[in-house]
PDB file of N, CA and C in Angstrom:
ATOM      1  N   MET A   1     -24.500  -8.460  -4.358  1.00  0.00           N
ATOM      2  CA  MET A   1     -22.958  -7.522  -4.558  1.00  0.00           C
ATOM      3  C   MET A   1     -22.353  -7.963  -3.522  1.00  0.00           C
ATOM      4  N   THR A   2     -21.130  -8.579  -4.120  1.00  0.00           N
ATOM      5  CA  THR A   2     -19.632  -9.031  -3.299  1.00  0.00           C
ATOM      6  C   THR A   2     -19.126  -7.793  -2.367  1.00  0.00           C
ATOM      7  N   PRO A   3     -19.281  -7.783  -1.293  1.00  0.00           N
ATOM      8  CA  PRO A   3     -18.260  -6.896  -0.780  1.00  0.00           C
ATOM      9  C   PRO A   3     -16.803  -6.283  -1.424  1.00  0.00           C
ATOM     10  N   PRO A   4     -16.455  -5.406  -1.605  1.00  0.00           N
ATOM     11  CA  PRO A   4     -15.104  -5.248  -1.473  1.00  0.00           C
ATOM     12  C   PRO A   4     -13.976  -6.193  -0.530  1.00  0.00           C
ATOM     13  N   PRO A   5     -12.761  -6.551  -1.209  1.00  0.00           N
ATOM     14  CA  PRO A   5     -12.024  -7.280  -0.514  1.00  0.00           C
ATOM     15  C   PRO A   5     -10.927  -6.491   0.574  1.00  0.00           C
ATOM     16  N   ALA A   6     -10.615  -7.262   1.600  1.00  0.00           N
ATOM     17  CA  ALA A   6      -9.617  -6.755   2.635  1.00  0.00           C
ATOM     18  C   ALA A   6      -8.241  -6.835   1.833  1.00  0.00           C
ATOM     19  N   LEU A   7      -7.440  -6.431   2.883  1.00  0.00           N
ATOM     20  CA  LEU A   7      -6.002  -6.148   2.406  1.00  0.00           C
ATOM     21  C   LEU A   7      -5.413  -7.132   3.721  1.00  0.00           C
ATOM     22  N   ARG A   8      -4.150  -7.788   3.441  1.00  0.00           N
ATOM     23  CA  ARG A   8      -3.780  -8.627   4.620  1.00  0.00           C
ATOM     24  C   ARG A   8      -2.175  -8.712   4.041  1.00  0.00           C
ATOM     25  N   LEU A   9      -1.383  -8.220   5.078  1.00  0.00           N
ATOM     26  CA  LEU A   9      -0.176  -8.046   5.019  1.00  0.00           C
ATOM     27  C   LEU A   9       0.634  -8.330   6.035  1.00  0.00           C
ATOM     28  N   THR A  10       1.562  -9.644   6.040  1.00  0.00           N
ATOM     29  CA  THR A  10       2.171 -10.442   7.162  1.00  0.00           C
ATOM     30  C   THR A  10       3.463 -10.602   6.649  1.00  0.00           C
ATOM     31  N   GLY A  11       4.672 -10.501   7.548  1.00  0.00           N
ATOM     32  CA  GLY A  11       5.982 -10.522   7.252  1.00  0.00           C
ATOM     33  C   GLY A  11       7.272  -9.896   8.088  1.00  0.00           C
ATOM     34  N   GLN A  12       8.113  -9.731   7.023  1.00  0.00           N
ATOM     35  CA  GLN A  12       9.150  -9.086   7.719  1.00  0.00           C
ATOM     36  C   GLN A  12       9.925  -8.342   6.545  1.00  0.00           C
ATOM     37  N   HIS A  13      10.195  -7.196   6.501  1.00  0.00           N
ATOM     38  CA  HIS A  13      11.122  -6.454   5.623  1.00  0.00           C
ATOM     39  C   HIS A  13      12.136  -6.132   5.959  1.00  0.00           C
ATOM     40  N   ARG A  14      13.537  -6.446   5.277  1.00  0.00           N
ATOM     41  CA  ARG A  14      14.864  -6.012   5.476  1.00  0.00           C
ATOM     42  C   ARG A  14      15.450  -5.210   4.562  1.00  0.00           C
ATOM     43  N   ILE A  15      16.417  -4.775   4.940  1.00  0.00           N
ATOM     44  CA  ILE A  15      17.249  -4.197   4.019  1.00  0.00           C
ATOM     45  C   ILE A  15      18.750  -4.296   4.517  1.00  0.00           C
ATOM     46  N   ASP A  16      19.231  -4.499   3.469  1.00  0.00           N
ATOM     47  CA  ASP A  16      20.604  -5.466   3.853  1.00  0.00           C
ATOM     48  C   ASP A  16      21.109  -6.383   4.800  1.00  0.00           C
ATOM     49  N   ALA A  17      19.806  -7.059   4.722  1.00  0.00           N
ATOM     50  CA  ALA A  17      19.755  -8.274   5.832  1.00  0.00           C
ATOM     51  C   ALA A  17      19.296  -7.715   7.372  1.00  0.00           C
ATOM     52  N   ARG A  18      19.120  -6.380   7.462  1.00  0.00           N
ATOM     53  CA  ARG A  18      18.697  -5.891   8.662  1.00  0.00           C
ATOM     54  C   ARG A  18      17.453  -5.839   8.514  1.00  0.00           C
ATOM     55  N   PRO A  19      16.891  -5.928   9.727  1.00  0.00           N
ATOM     56  CA  PRO A  19      14.960  -6.119   9.619  1.00  0.00           C
ATOM     57  C   PRO A  19      15.086  -4.346   9.966  1.00  0.00           C
ATOM     58  N   LEU A  20      13.757  -4.218   8.932  1.00  0.00           N
ATOM     59  CA  LEU A  20      13.288  -2.467   8.984  1.00  0.00           C
ATOM     60  C   LEU A  20      11.935  -3.003   9.937  1.00  0.00           C
ATOM     61  N   PHE A  21      11.082  -3.708   9.824  1.00  0.00           N
ATOM     62  CA  PHE A  21      10.136  -4.263  10.239  1.00  0.00           C
ATOM     63  C   PHE A  21       9.533  -5.296  10.107  1.00  0.00           C
ATOM     64  N   ASP A  22       8.490  -5.770  11.395  1.00  0.00           N
ATOM     65  CA  ASP A  22       7.798  -7.179  11.204  1.00  0.00           C
ATOM     66  C   ASP A  22       6.565  -6.502  11.072  1.00  0.00           C
ATOM     67  N   VAL A  23       5.540  -6.917  10.496  1.00  0.00           N
ATOM     68  CA  VAL A  23       4.211  -6.163   9.952  1.00  0.00           C
ATOM     69  C   VAL A  23       3.291  -7.486  10.398  1.00  0.00           C
ATOM     70  N   ASP A  24       2.078  -7.348  10.570  1.00  0.00           N
ATOM     71  CA  ASP A  24       0.821  -8.521  10.651  1.00  0.00           C
ATOM     72  C   ASP A  24      -0.277  -7.572  10.814  1.00  0.00           C
ATOM     73  N   MET A  25      -1.068  -7.085   9.518  1.00  0.00           N
ATOM     74  CA  MET A  25      -1.718  -5.952   9.760  1.00  0.00           C
ATOM     75  C   MET A  25      -3.246  -6.644   8.278  1.00  0.00           C
ATOM     76  N   THR A  26      -4.272  -6.175   8.867  1.00  0.00           N
ATOM     77  CA  THR A  26      -5.356  -6.439   7.666  1.00  0.00           C
ATOM     78  C   THR A  26      -6.243  -4.683   7.566  1.00  0.00           C
ATOM     79  N   LEU A  27      -5.863  -4.822   6.589  1.00  0.00           N
ATOM     80  CA  LEU A  27      -6.470  -3.420   5.895  1.00  0.00           C
ATOM     81  C   LEU A  27      -8.071  -3.543   5.721  1.00  0.00           C
ATOM     82  N   ALA A  28      -8.922  -3.166   6.389  1.00  0.00           N
ATOM     83  CA  ALA A  28     -10.480  -3.542   6.057  1.00  0.00           C
ATOM     84  C   ALA A  28     -10.756  -2.564   4.499  1.00  0.00           C
ATOM     85  N   ALA A  29     -11.794  -3.454   4.186  1.00  0.00           N
ATOM     86  CA  ALA A  29     -12.348  -2.984   2.784  1.00  0.00           C
ATOM     87  C   ALA A  29     -13.332  -1.588   3.339  1.00  0.00           C
ATOM     88  N   GLY A  30     -13.045  -0.588   2.395  1.00  0.00           N
ATOM     89  CA  GLY A  30     -14.306   0.585   2.869  1.00  0.00           C
ATOM     90  C   GLY A  30     -14.291   1.252   3.720  1.00  0.00           C
ATOM     91  N   ALA A  31     -12.877   1.425   4.454  1.00  0.00           N
ATOM     92  CA  ALA A  31     -12.607   1.766   5.658  1.00  0.00           C
ATOM     93  C   ALA A  31     -11.226   2.701   5.519  1.00  0.00           C
ATOM     94  N   TRP A  32     -10.953   4.022   6.067  1.00  0.00           N
ATOM     95  CA  TRP A  32      -9.855   4.791   6.083  1.00  0.00           C
ATOM     96  C   TRP A  32      -8.499   3.969   6.844  1.00  0.00           C
ATOM     97  N   THR A  33      -7.496   4.212   6.257  1.00  0.00           N
ATOM     98  CA  THR A  33      -6.457   3.377   6.860  1.00  0.00           C
ATOM     99  C   THR A  33      -5.425   4.599   7.180  1.00  0.00           C
ATOM    100  N   CYS A  34      -4.625   4.821   8.419  1.00  0.00           N
ATOM    101  CA  CYS A  34      -3.792   6.073   8.409  1.00  0.00           C
ATOM    102  C   CYS A  34      -2.599   5.058   9.516  1.00  0.00           C
ATOM    103  N   LEU A  35      -1.390   5.280   8.263  1.00  0.00           N
ATOM    104  CA  LEU A  35      -0.364   4.823   8.894  1.00  0.00           C
ATOM    105  C   LEU A  35       0.484   5.851   9.640  1.00  0.00           C
ATOM    106  N   LEU A  36       1.028   6.212  11.061  1.00  0.00           N
ATOM    107  CA  LEU A  36       1.599   7.246  11.810  1.00  0.00           C
ATOM    108  C   LEU A  36       2.690   6.442  12.468  1.00  0.00           C
ATOM    109  N   GLY A  37       3.923   7.368  12.253  1.00  0.00           N
ATOM    110  CA  GLY A  37       5.076   6.861  12.753  1.00  0.00           C
ATOM    111  C   GLY A  37       6.165   8.028  12.314  1.00  0.00           C
ATOM    112  N   PRO A  38       7.551   7.684  12.887  1.00  0.00           N
ATOM    113  CA  PRO A  38       8.478   8.857  12.972  1.00  0.00           C
ATOM    114  C   PRO A  38       9.017   8.430  11.519  1.00  0.00           C
ATOM    115  N   SER A  39       9.591   9.491  10.715  1.00  0.00           N
ATOM    116  CA  SER A  39      10.350   8.853   9.322  1.00  0.00           C
ATOM    117  C   SER A  39      11.394   7.909   9.964  1.00  0.00           C
ATOM    118  N   GLY A  40      11.511   6.896   8.727  1.00  0.00           N
ATOM    119  CA  GLY A  40      12.142   5.717   8.545  1.00  0.00           C
ATOM    120  C   GLY A  40      11.849   4.319   9.416  1.00  0.00           C
ATOM    121  N   VAL A  41      10.713   4.721   9.782  1.00  0.00           N
ATOM    122  CA  VAL A  41      10.287   3.236  10.130  1.00  0.00           C
ATOM    123  C   VAL A  41       9.354   2.405   9.201  1.00  0.00           C
ATOM    124  N   GLY A  42       9.235   2.737   8.220  1.00  0.00           N
ATOM    125  CA  GLY A  42       8.605   1.719   6.723  1.00  0.00           C
ATOM    126  C   GLY A  42       7.189   2.189   6.546  1.00  0.00           C
ATOM    127  N   LYS A  43       6.557   3.057   6.649  1.00  0.00           N
ATOM    128  CA  LYS A  43       5.327   3.692   6.202  1.00  0.00           C
ATOM    129  C   LYS A  43       5.245   3.808   4.978  1.00  0.00           C
ATOM    130  N   SER A  44       6.251   4.178   3.952  1.00  0.00           N
ATOM    131  CA  SER A  44       5.793   4.371   2.683  1.00  0.00           C
ATOM    132  C   SER A  44       6.570   3.179   2.063  1.00  0.00           C
ATOM    133  N   THR A  45       7.336   2.433   2.901  1.00  0.00           N
ATOM    134  CA  THR A  45       7.914   0.943   2.383  1.00  0.00           C
ATOM    135  C   THR A  45       6.550   0.137   2.400  1.00  0.00           C
ATOM    136  N   VAL A  46       5.653  -0.170   3.142  1.00  0.00           N
ATOM    137  CA  VAL A  46       4.517  -0.693   3.336  1.00  0.00           C
ATOM    138  C   VAL A  46       3.457  -0.367   2.049  1.00  0.00           C
ATOM    139  N   LEU A  47       3.072   0.801   1.878  1.00  0.00           N
ATOM    140  CA  LEU A  47       2.573   0.990   0.854  1.00  0.00           C
ATOM    141  C   LEU A  47       3.150   0.577  -0.787  1.00  0.00           C
ATOM    142  N   ARG A  48       4.570   0.839  -0.695  1.00  0.00           N
ATOM    143  CA  ARG A  48       4.858   0.322  -1.730  1.00  0.00           C
ATOM    144  C   ARG A  48       5.102  -1.375  -1.909  1.00  0.00           C
ATOM    145  N   LEU A  49       5.157  -1.926  -1.025  1.00  0.00           N
ATOM    146  CA  LEU A  49       4.911  -3.257  -1.126  1.00  0.00           C
ATOM    147  C   LEU A  49       3.458  -3.639  -1.001  1.00  0.00           C
ATOM    148  N   LEU A  50       2.321  -2.786  -0.827  1.00  0.00           N
ATOM    149  CA  LEU A  50       1.109  -3.093  -1.386  1.00  0.00           C
ATOM    150  C   LEU A  50       0.711  -2.783  -3.006  1.00  0.00           C
ATOM    151  N   LEU A  51       1.760  -2.180  -3.462  1.00  0.00           N
ATOM    152  CA  LEU A  51       1.566  -1.563  -4.638  1.00  0.00           C
ATOM    153  C   LEU A  51       2.327  -2.466  -5.899  1.00  0.00           C
ATOM    154  N   GLY A  52       2.926  -3.053  -5.173  1.00  0.00           N
ATOM    155  CA  GLY A  52       4.044  -4.150  -5.921  1.00  0.00           C
ATOM    156  C   GLY A  52       5.445  -2.752  -6.432  1.00  0.00           C
ATOM    157  N   LEU A  53       5.793  -2.103  -5.735  1.00  0.00           N
ATOM    158  CA  LEU A  53       6.950  -1.368  -6.139  1.00  0.00           C
ATOM    159  C   LEU A  53       8.245  -1.686  -5.710  1.00  0.00           C
ATOM    160  N   GLU A  54       9.251  -1.260  -6.023  1.00  0.00           N
ATOM    161  CA  GLU A  54      10.411  -1.374  -5.420  1.00  0.00           C
ATOM    162  C   GLU A  54      10.708  -1.105  -4.118  1.00  0.00           C
ATOM    163  N   THR A  55      11.267  -1.594  -3.375  1.00  0.00           N
ATOM    164  CA  THR A  55      11.338  -0.922  -1.910  1.00  0.00           C
ATOM    165  C   THR A  55      12.672  -0.867  -1.396  1.00  0.00           C
ATOM    166  N   GLY A  56      13.792  -1.312  -2.158  1.00  0.00           N
ATOM    167  CA  GLY A  56      15.020  -0.904  -1.753  1.00  0.00           C
ATOM    168  C   GLY A  56      15.587  -2.344  -0.789  1.00  0.00           C
ATOM    169  N   GLY A  57      14.656  -3.063  -0.628  1.00  0.00           N
ATOM    170  CA  GLY A  57      15.199  -4.230   0.652  1.00  0.00           C
ATOM    171  C   GLY A  57      14.170  -5.434   0.182  1.00  0.00           C
ATOM    172  N   ALA A  58      14.418  -6.406   1.056  1.00  0.00           N
ATOM    173  CA  ALA A  58      13.634  -7.604   0.533  1.00  0.00           C
ATOM    174  C   ALA A  58      12.471  -8.052   1.492  1.00  0.00           C
ATOM    175  N   PHE A  59      11.259  -8.554   1.199  1.00  0.00           N
ATOM    176  CA  PHE A  59      10.027  -8.675   2.104  1.00  0.00           C
ATOM    177  C   PHE A  59       9.922 -10.030   1.937  1.00  0.00           C
ATOM    178  N   ASP A  60       9.975 -10.726   3.342  1.00  0.00           N
ATOM    179  CA  ASP A  60       9.492 -12.404   3.520  1.00  0.00           C
ATOM    180  C   ASP A  60       8.104 -12.434   3.999  1.00  0.00           C
ATOM    181  N   GLY A  61       7.302 -12.505   2.883  1.00  0.00           N
ATOM    182  CA  GLY A  61       5.864 -12.731   3.681  1.00  0.00           C
ATOM    183  C   GLY A  61       4.963 -12.529   2.547  1.00  0.00           C
ATOM    184  N   THR A  62       3.702 -12.263   3.138  1.00  0.00           N
ATOM    185  CA  THR A  62       2.544 -12.284   2.117  1.00  0.00           C
ATOM    186  C   THR A  62       1.775 -11.387   1.995  1.00  0.00           C
ATOM    187  N   ILE A  63       1.213 -11.102   1.033  1.00  0.00           N
ATOM    188  CA  ILE A  63       0.407  -9.833   0.469  1.00  0.00           C
ATOM    189  C   ILE A  63      -0.676 -10.550  -0.041  1.00  0.00           C
ATOM    190  N   ALA A  64      -1.873 -10.137   0.199  1.00  0.00           N
ATOM    191  CA  ALA A  64      -3.011 -10.683  -0.394  1.00  0.00           C
ATOM    192  C   ALA A  64      -4.405 -10.356   0.313  1.00  0.00           C
ATOM    193  N   ALA A  65      -5.439 -10.160  -0.794  1.00  0.00           N
ATOM    194  CA  ALA A  65      -6.396  -9.837  -0.784  1.00  0.00           C
ATOM    195  C   ALA A  65      -7.428 -11.033  -0.068  1.00  0.00           C
ATOM    196  N   SER A  66      -8.324 -10.762   0.628  1.00  0.00           N
ATOM    197  CA  SER A  66      -9.406 -11.466   1.388  1.00  0.00           C
ATOM    198  C   SER A  66     -10.144 -12.493   0.273  1.00  0.00           C
ATOM    199  N   ASP A  67     -10.192 -11.803  -0.819  1.00  0.00           N
ATOM    200  CA  ASP A  67     -11.116 -12.613  -1.920  1.00  0.00           C
ATOM    201  C   ASP A  67     -10.061 -13.641  -2.984  1.00  0.00           C
ATOM    202  N   GLY A  68      -9.032 -13.636  -2.584  1.00  0.00           N
ATOM    203  CA  GLY A  68      -7.871 -14.333  -2.971  1.00  0.00           C
ATOM    204  C   GLY A  68      -7.822 -13.851  -4.646  1.00  0.00           C
ATOM    205  N   GLN A  69      -7.962 -12.791  -5.113  1.00  0.00           N
ATOM    206  CA  GLN A  69      -7.660 -12.337  -6.432  1.00  0.00           C
ATOM    207  C   GLN A  69      -6.025 -11.814  -6.273  1.00  0.00           C
ATOM    208  N   PRO A  70      -5.292 -11.784  -7.336  1.00  0.00           N
ATOM    209  CA  PRO A  70      -4.424 -10.565  -7.305  1.00  0.00           C
ATOM    210  C   PRO A  70      -4.430  -9.459  -7.159  1.00  0.00           C
ATOM    211  N   LEU A  71      -3.628  -8.520  -6.500  1.00  0.00           N
ATOM    212  CA  LEU A  71      -3.682  -7.084  -6.292  1.00  0.00           C
ATOM    213  C   LEU A  71      -3.481  -6.742  -7.488  1.00  0.00           C
ATOM    214  N   ALA A  72      -2.820  -6.689  -8.131  1.00  0.00           N
ATOM    215  CA  ALA A  72      -2.487  -6.137  -9.448  1.00  0.00           C
ATOM    216  C   ALA A  72      -3.503  -5.296 -10.567  1.00  0.00           C
ATOM    217  N   GLY A  73      -3.572  -4.134 -10.418  1.00  0.00           N
ATOM    218  CA  GLY A  73      -4.355  -3.314 -11.373  1.00  0.00           C
ATOM    219  C   GLY A  73      -5.605  -3.061 -10.485  1.00  0.00           C
ATOM    220  N   ARG A  74      -5.904  -3.455  -9.099  1.00  0.00           N
ATOM    221  CA  ARG A  74      -7.108  -2.811  -8.176  1.00  0.00           C
ATOM    222  C   ARG A  74      -6.258  -2.242  -7.076  1.00  0.00           C
ATOM    223  N   ILE A  75      -5.226  -1.605  -7.033  1.00  0.00           N
ATOM    224  CA  ILE A  75      -4.727  -0.689  -5.740  1.00  0.00           C
ATOM    225  C   ILE A  75      -4.228   0.229  -6.567  1.00  0.00           C
ATOM    226  N   SER A  76      -4.475   1.346  -5.596  1.00  0.00           N
ATOM    227  CA  SER A  76      -3.329   2.591  -5.867  1.00  0.00           C
ATOM    228  C   SER A  76      -3.828   3.631  -4.665  1.00  0.00           C
ATOM    229  N   TYR A  77      -2.730   4.437  -4.771  1.00  0.00           N
ATOM    230  CA  TYR A  77      -2.501   5.426  -3.796  1.00  0.00           C
ATOM    231  C   TYR A  77      -2.316   6.964  -4.339  1.00  0.00           C
ATOM    232  N   MET A  78      -2.415   8.261  -3.331  1.00  0.00           N
ATOM    233  CA  MET A  78      -1.584   9.333  -3.514  1.00  0.00           C
ATOM    234  C   MET A  78      -0.826   9.582  -2.785  1.00  0.00           C
ATOM    235  N   ALA A  79       0.471   9.734  -3.125  1.00  0.00           N
ATOM    236  CA  ALA A  79       1.552  10.311  -2.451  1.00  0.00           C
ATOM    237  C   ALA A  79       1.417  11.899  -2.114  1.00  0.00           C
ATOM    238  N   GLN A  80       2.310  12.042  -0.822  1.00  0.00           N
ATOM    239  CA  GLN A  80       2.325  13.167  -0.140  1.00  0.00           C
ATOM    240  C   GLN A  80       2.393  14.188  -0.816  1.00  0.00           C
ATOM    241  N   SER A  81       3.133  14.302  -1.861  1.00  0.00           N
ATOM    242  CA  SER A  81       2.921  15.448  -2.753  1.00  0.00           C
ATOM    243  C   SER A  81       2.063  15.090  -4.015  1.00  0.00           C
ATOM    244  N   ASP A  82       1.003  15.324  -3.812  1.00  0.00           N
ATOM    245  CA  ASP A  82      -0.055  14.964  -4.783  1.00  0.00           C
ATOM    246  C   ASP A  82       0.432  15.297  -6.529  1.00  0.00           C
ATOM    247  N   LEU A  83       0.406  16.244  -6.652  1.00  0.00           N
ATOM    248  CA  LEU A  83       0.839  16.559  -7.909  1.00  0.00           C
ATOM    249  C   LEU A  83      -0.360  16.540  -9.056  1.00  0.00           C
ATOM    250  N   LEU A  84      -1.474  16.892  -8.443  1.00  0.00           N
ATOM    251  CA  LEU A  84      -2.982  17.264  -8.797  1.00  0.00           C
ATOM    252  C   LEU A  84      -2.678  18.516 -10.104  1.00  0.00           C
ATOM    253  N   LEU A  85      -3.416  18.378 -11.090  1.00  0.00           N
ATOM    254  CA  LEU A  85      -3.335  19.387 -12.247  1.00  0.00           C
ATOM    255  C   LEU A  85      -4.907  20.282 -11.445  1.00  0.00           C
ATOM    256  N   PRO A  86      -4.334  21.418 -11.053  1.00  0.00           N
ATOM    257  CA  PRO A  86      -5.393  22.100 -10.067  1.00  0.00           C
ATOM    258  C   PRO A  86      -6.750  22.790 -11.127  1.00  0.00           C
ATOM    259  N   TRP A  87      -6.378  22.495 -12.490  1.00  0.00           N
ATOM    260  CA  TRP A  87      -7.526  23.034 -13.407  1.00  0.00           C
ATOM    261  C   TRP A  87      -8.231  22.025 -13.652  1.00  0.00           C
ATOM    262  N   LEU A  88      -8.054  20.996 -13.239  1.00  0.00           N
ATOM    263  CA  LEU A  88      -8.975  19.669 -13.729  1.00  0.00           C
ATOM    264  C   LEU A  88     -10.069  19.287 -12.389  1.00  0.00           C
ATOM    265  N   THR A  89     -10.942  18.432 -12.862  1.00  0.00           N
ATOM    266  CA  THR A  89     -11.886  18.050 -11.397  1.00  0.00           C
ATOM    267  C   THR A  89     -11.190  17.272 -10.788  1.00  0.00           C
ATOM    268  N   VAL A  90     -11.901  16.616  -9.547  1.00  0.00           N
ATOM    269  CA  VAL A  90     -11.405  15.283  -9.001  1.00  0.00           C
ATOM    270  C   VAL A  90     -11.511  14.442  -9.922  1.00  0.00           C
ATOM    271  N   ILE A  91     -12.488  14.134 -10.810  1.00  0.00           N
ATOM    272  CA  ILE A  91     -12.710  12.543 -11.743  1.00  0.00           C
ATOM    273  C   ILE A  91     -11.353  12.825 -12.654  1.00  0.00           C
ATOM    274  N   GLU A  92     -11.241  14.069 -13.543  1.00  0.00           N
ATOM    275  CA  GLU A  92     -10.408  14.060 -14.033  1.00  0.00           C
ATOM    276  C   GLU A  92      -8.936  13.942 -13.849  1.00  0.00           C
ATOM    277  N   ASN A  93      -8.704  14.310 -12.523  1.00  0.00           N
ATOM    278  CA  ASN A  93      -7.504  14.049 -11.811  1.00  0.00           C
ATOM    279  C   ASN A  93      -7.218  12.431 -11.594  1.00  0.00           C
ATOM    280  N   ILE A  94      -8.287  11.900 -11.265  1.00  0.00           N
ATOM    281  CA  ILE A  94      -8.115  10.570 -11.049  1.00  0.00           C
ATOM    282  C   ILE A  94      -8.118   9.620 -12.124  1.00  0.00           C
ATOM    283  N   MET A  95      -8.500  10.348 -13.172  1.00  0.00           N
ATOM    284  CA  MET A  95      -8.557   9.439 -14.487  1.00  0.00           C
ATOM    285  C   MET A  95      -7.178   9.533 -15.235  1.00  0.00           C
ATOM    286  N   ILE A  96      -6.320  10.316 -15.170  1.00  0.00           N
ATOM    287  CA  ILE A  96      -4.876  10.812 -15.745  1.00  0.00           C
ATOM    288  C   ILE A  96      -4.344   9.370 -15.187  1.00  0.00           C
ATOM    289  N   GLY A  97      -4.664   8.528 -13.981  1.00  0.00           N
ATOM    290  CA  GLY A  97      -3.790   7.618 -13.831  1.00  0.00           C
ATOM    291  C   GLY A  97      -4.079   6.203 -15.067  1.00  0.00           C
TER     292      GLY A  97
END
């Protein structure tokens, strides 16, 4: 069985030509990762980059899985406001997506 891939994010994110952050990180497969920091440092932007969502800025770098396959359709996250349906089970809530 092939192990799940790690995620690698390297580069710089800018908003209006001003750097928001430089990043060089690897997210290990099968492990919990926590992004900590004050408001405005780019935690949500990192998540949006990994998901391929609009960030309001420009990213110059690479985002890749260690297996070389595209990330599209293989990554998701639960935002701070979970918006779960309390009458459904965990599995049923997951299946909504």
